[in-house]
Every structure is written in structure tokens, then in C-alpha cells.
Amino acid sequence: MTGDLVVALHNMDLEKERDFMRQQLQESARQMRTLLANLPGMAYRC
């Protein structure tokens, strides 16, 4: 029974880490889209 609890807690930690990494990936993708959307204007100004 103790082993099951340890596994459950470990799985919860992994899920939290996955959620955090998913959020980081989504933010990175949003930043990349913004950069690419603004690239023509930035190149024109240079």
C-alpha cells in the first residue's frame, strides 16, 4: 500500500511538471508567432 502511495505522488509530480513544460512550450510558440508576424515590418524599418 505504501508503494502505491509513493507511485501516486510521483505521478502527480510528473503531471505537474508536464503541465509546466506544456505552458512553457505554448508561451514559446506564442512568442515565435509574434516575432514572425512582426518580422516584415522590422526588416522594412532596417
PDB file of N, CA and C in Angstrom:
ATOM      1  N   MET A   1       0.816  -1.192   0.000  1.00  0.00           N
ATOM      2  CA  MET A   1       0.000   0.000   0.000  1.00  0.00           C
ATOM      3  C   MET A   1       0.862   1.259   0.000  1.00  0.00           C
ATOM      4  N   THR A   2       1.930   1.278   0.759  1.00  0.00           N
ATOM      5  CA  THR A   2       2.820   2.430   0.791  1.00  0.00           C
ATOM      6  C   THR A   2       3.439   2.663  -0.585  1.00  0.00           C
ATOM      7  N   GLY A   3       3.758   1.582  -1.260  1.00  0.00           N
ATOM      8  CA  GLY A   3       4.316   1.685  -2.614  1.00  0.00           C
ATOM      9  C   GLY A   3       3.337   2.347  -3.566  1.00  0.00           C
ATOM     10  N   ASP A   4       2.057   2.023  -3.443  1.00  0.00           N
ATOM     11  CA  ASP A   4       1.038   2.641  -4.286  1.00  0.00           C
ATOM     12  C   ASP A   4       0.950   4.137  -4.042  1.00  0.00           C
ATOM     13  N   LEU A   5       1.072   4.541  -2.797  1.00  0.00           N
ATOM     14  CA  LEU A   5       1.021   5.956  -2.446  1.00  0.00           C
ATOM     15  C   LEU A   5       2.222   6.695  -3.029  1.00  0.00           C
ATOM     16  N   VAL A   6       3.377   6.081  -2.938  1.00  0.00           N
ATOM     17  CA  VAL A   6       4.595   6.688  -3.491  1.00  0.00           C
ATOM     18  C   VAL A   6       4.455   6.849  -4.997  1.00  0.00           C
ATOM     19  N   VAL A   7       3.948   5.832  -5.662  1.00  0.00           N
ATOM     20  CA  VAL A   7       3.753   5.897  -7.117  1.00  0.00           C
ATOM     21  C   VAL A   7       2.738   6.982  -7.464  1.00  0.00           C
ATOM     22  N   ALA A   8       1.665   7.069  -6.715  1.00  0.00           N
ATOM     23  CA  ALA A   8       0.646   8.085  -6.976  1.00  0.00           C
ATOM     24  C   ALA A   8       1.222   9.493  -6.800  1.00  0.00           C
ATOM     25  N   LEU A   9       1.991   9.706  -5.746  1.00  0.00           N
ATOM     26  CA  LEU A   9       2.610  11.010  -5.528  1.00  0.00           C
ATOM     27  C   LEU A   9       3.615  11.344  -6.625  1.00  0.00           C
ATOM     28  N   HIS A  10       4.368  10.338  -7.033  1.00  0.00           N
ATOM     29  CA  HIS A  10       5.328  10.538  -8.125  1.00  0.00           C
ATOM     30  C   HIS A  10       4.606  10.899  -9.422  1.00  0.00           C
ATOM     31  N   ASN A  11       3.505  10.222  -9.698  1.00  0.00           N
ATOM     32  CA  ASN A  11       2.730  10.523 -10.898  1.00  0.00           C
ATOM     33  C   ASN A  11       2.156  11.938 -10.851  1.00  0.00           C
ATOM     34  N   MET A  12       1.745  12.377  -9.670  1.00  0.00           N
ATOM     35  CA  MET A  12       1.237  13.740  -9.520  1.00  0.00           C
ATOM     36  C   MET A  12       2.342  14.759  -9.806  1.00  0.00           C
ATOM     37  N   ASP A  13       3.540  14.488  -9.319  1.00  0.00           N
ATOM     38  CA  ASP A  13       4.671  15.366  -9.583  1.00  0.00           C
ATOM     39  C   ASP A  13       4.991  15.418 -11.079  1.00  0.00           C
ATOM     40  N   LEU A  14       4.946  14.267 -11.721  1.00  0.00           N
ATOM     41  CA  LEU A  14       5.211  14.218 -13.157  1.00  0.00           C
ATOM     42  C   LEU A  14       4.159  14.996 -13.934  1.00  0.00           C
ATOM     43  N   GLU A  15       2.916  14.897 -13.523  1.00  0.00           N
ATOM     44  CA  GLU A  15       1.831  15.612 -14.200  1.00  0.00           C
ATOM     45  C   GLU A  15       2.004  17.120 -14.035  1.00  0.00           C
ATOM     46  N   LYS A  16       2.392  17.557 -12.847  1.00  0.00           N
ATOM     47  CA  LYS A  16       2.652  18.985 -12.631  1.00  0.00           C
ATOM     48  C   LYS A  16       3.790  19.465 -13.516  1.00  0.00           C
ATOM     49  N   GLU A  17       4.829  18.656 -13.612  1.00  0.00           N
ATOM     50  CA  GLU A  17       5.976  19.022 -14.439  1.00  0.00           C
ATOM     51  C   GLU A  17       5.574  19.078 -15.911  1.00  0.00           C
ATOM     52  N   ARG A  18       4.770  18.117 -16.362  1.00  0.00           N
ATOM     53  CA  ARG A  18       4.280  18.123 -17.745  1.00  0.00           C
ATOM     54  C   ARG A  18       3.445  19.362 -18.032  1.00  0.00           C
ATOM     55  N   ASP A  19       2.578  19.729 -17.095  1.00  0.00           N
ATOM     56  CA  ASP A  19       1.756  20.924 -17.268  1.00  0.00           C
ATOM     57  C   ASP A  19       2.626  22.168 -17.383  1.00  0.00           C
ATOM     58  N   PHE A  20       3.639  22.264 -16.522  1.00  0.00           N
ATOM     59  CA  PHE A  20       4.546  23.411 -16.559  1.00  0.00           C
ATOM     60  C   PHE A  20       5.273  23.466 -17.902  1.00  0.00           C
ATOM     61  N   MET A  21       5.791  22.329 -18.343  1.00  0.00           N
ATOM     62  CA  MET A  21       6.516  22.291 -19.621  1.00  0.00           C
ATOM     63  C   MET A  21       5.590  22.608 -20.794  1.00  0.00           C
ATOM     64  N   ARG A  22       4.343  22.142 -20.720  1.00  0.00           N
ATOM     65  CA  ARG A  22       3.361  22.439 -21.763  1.00  0.00           C
ATOM     66  C   ARG A  22       3.101  23.944 -21.828  1.00  0.00           C
ATOM     67  N   GLN A  23       2.981  24.582 -20.670  1.00  0.00           N
ATOM     68  CA  GLN A  23       2.776  26.027 -20.629  1.00  0.00           C
ATOM     69  C   GLN A  23       3.981  26.768 -21.194  1.00  0.00           C
ATOM     70  N   GLN A  24       5.168  26.294 -20.869  1.00  0.00           N
ATOM     71  CA  GLN A  24       6.381  26.925 -21.395  1.00  0.00           C
ATOM     72  C   GLN A  24       6.445  26.795 -22.909  1.00  0.00           C
ATOM     73  N   LEU A  25       6.087  25.644 -23.419  1.00  0.00           N
ATOM     74  CA  LEU A  25       6.090  25.411 -24.861  1.00  0.00           C
ATOM     75  C   LEU A  25       5.064  26.297 -25.560  1.00  0.00           C
ATOM     76  N   GLN A  26       3.883  26.420 -24.976  1.00  0.00           N
ATOM     77  CA  GLN A  26       2.861  27.280 -25.563  1.00  0.00           C
ATOM     78  C   GLN A  26       3.305  28.736 -25.571  1.00  0.00           C
ATOM     79  N   GLU A  27       3.949  29.192 -24.510  1.00  0.00           N
ATOM     80  CA  GLU A  27       4.445  30.567 -24.445  1.00  0.00           C
ATOM     81  C   GLU A  27       5.544  30.787 -25.484  1.00  0.00           C
ATOM     82  N   SER A  28       6.423  29.824 -25.625  1.00  0.00           N
ATOM     83  CA  SER A  28       7.486  29.916 -26.623  1.00  0.00           C
ATOM     84  C   SER A  28       6.904  29.980 -28.037  1.00  0.00           C
ATOM     85  N   ALA A  29       5.899  29.169 -28.307  1.00  0.00           N
ATOM     86  CA  ALA A  29       5.246  29.175 -29.614  1.00  0.00           C
ATOM     87  C   ALA A  29       4.546  30.507 -29.863  1.00  0.00           C
ATOM     88  N   ARG A  30       3.918  31.081 -28.823  1.00  0.00           N
ATOM     89  CA  ARG A  30       3.266  32.379 -28.958  1.00  0.00           C
ATOM     90  C   ARG A  30       4.294  33.463 -29.282  1.00  0.00           C
ATOM     91  N   GLN A  31       5.426  33.428 -28.600  1.00  0.00           N
ATOM     92  CA  GLN A  31       6.483  34.406 -28.859  1.00  0.00           C
ATOM     93  C   GLN A  31       7.026  34.266 -30.278  1.00  0.00           C
ATOM     94  N   MET A  32       7.181  33.046 -30.742  1.00  0.00           N
ATOM     95  CA  MET A  32       7.684  32.807 -32.102  1.00  0.00           C
ATOM     96  C   MET A  32       6.692  33.319 -33.136  1.00  0.00           C
ATOM     97  N   ARG A  33       5.392  33.070 -32.910  1.00  0.00           N
ATOM     98  CA  ARG A  33       4.381  33.576 -33.848  1.00  0.00           C
ATOM     99  C   ARG A  33       4.402  35.105 -33.899  1.00  0.00           C
ATOM    100  N   THR A  34       4.536  35.733 -32.734  1.00  0.00           N
ATOM    101  CA  THR A  34       4.587  37.196 -32.678  1.00  0.00           C
ATOM    102  C   THR A  34       5.808  37.718 -33.423  1.00  0.00           C
ATOM    103  N   LEU A  35       6.948  37.101 -33.195  1.00  0.00           N
ATOM    104  CA  LEU A  35       8.169  37.509 -33.882  1.00  0.00           C
ATOM    105  C   LEU A  35       8.021  37.379 -35.392  1.00  0.00           C
ATOM    106  N   LEU A  36       7.530  36.241 -35.842  1.00  0.00           N
ATOM    107  CA  LEU A  36       7.387  36.020 -37.276  1.00  0.00           C
ATOM    108  C   LEU A  36       6.350  36.944 -37.891  1.00  0.00           C
ATOM    109  N   ALA A  37       5.305  37.264 -37.158  1.00  0.00           N
ATOM    110  CA  ALA A  37       4.276  38.164 -37.672  1.00  0.00           C
ATOM    111  C   ALA A  37       4.824  39.585 -37.833  1.00  0.00           C
ATOM    112  N   ASN A  38       5.765  39.961 -36.964  1.00  0.00           N
ATOM    113  CA  ASN A  38       6.319  41.312 -37.000  1.00  0.00           C
ATOM    114  C   ASN A  38       7.604  41.425 -37.807  1.00  0.00           C
ATOM    115  N   LEU A  39       8.120  40.330 -38.284  1.00  0.00           N
ATOM    116  CA  LEU A  39       9.393  40.322 -38.993  1.00  0.00           C
ATOM    117  C   LEU A  39       9.396  41.206 -40.242  1.00  0.00           C
ATOM    118  N   PRO A  40       8.373  41.171 -41.086  1.00  0.00           N
ATOM    119  CA  PRO A  40       8.413  42.037 -42.270  1.00  0.00           C
ATOM    120  C   PRO A  40       8.534  43.524 -41.914  1.00  0.00           C
ATOM    121  N   GLY A  41       7.793  43.974 -40.925  1.00  0.00           N
ATOM    122  CA  GLY A  41       7.869  45.368 -40.518  1.00  0.00           C
ATOM    123  C   GLY A  41       9.227  45.710 -39.930  1.00  0.00           C
ATOM    124  N   MET A  42       9.801  44.784 -39.184  1.00  0.00           N
ATOM    125  CA  MET A  42      11.114  45.015 -38.589  1.00  0.00           C
ATOM    126  C   MET A  42      12.171  45.103 -39.694  1.00  0.00           C
ATOM    127  N   ALA A  43      12.085  44.238 -40.696  1.00  0.00           N
ATOM    128  CA  ALA A  43      13.049  44.251 -41.804  1.00  0.00           C
ATOM    129  C   ALA A  43      12.885  45.539 -42.614  1.00  0.00           C
ATOM    130  N   TYR A  44      11.667  46.004 -42.796  1.00  0.00           N
ATOM    131  CA  TYR A  44      11.422  47.225 -43.562  1.00  0.00           C
ATOM    132  C   TYR A  44      12.059  48.424 -42.871  1.00  0.00           C
ATOM    133  N   ARG A  45      11.941  48.470 -41.550  1.00  0.00           N
ATOM    134  CA  ARG A  45      12.494  49.602 -40.795  1.00  0.00           C
ATOM    135  C   ARG A  45      14.017  49.625 -40.826  1.00  0.00           C
ATOM    136  N   CYS A  46      14.625  48.476 -40.973  1.00  0.00           N
ATOM    137  CA  CYS A  46      16.091  48.426 -41.009  1.00  0.00           C
ATOM    138  C   CYS A  46      16.560  48.834 -42.389  1.00  0.00           C
TER     139      CYS A  46
END
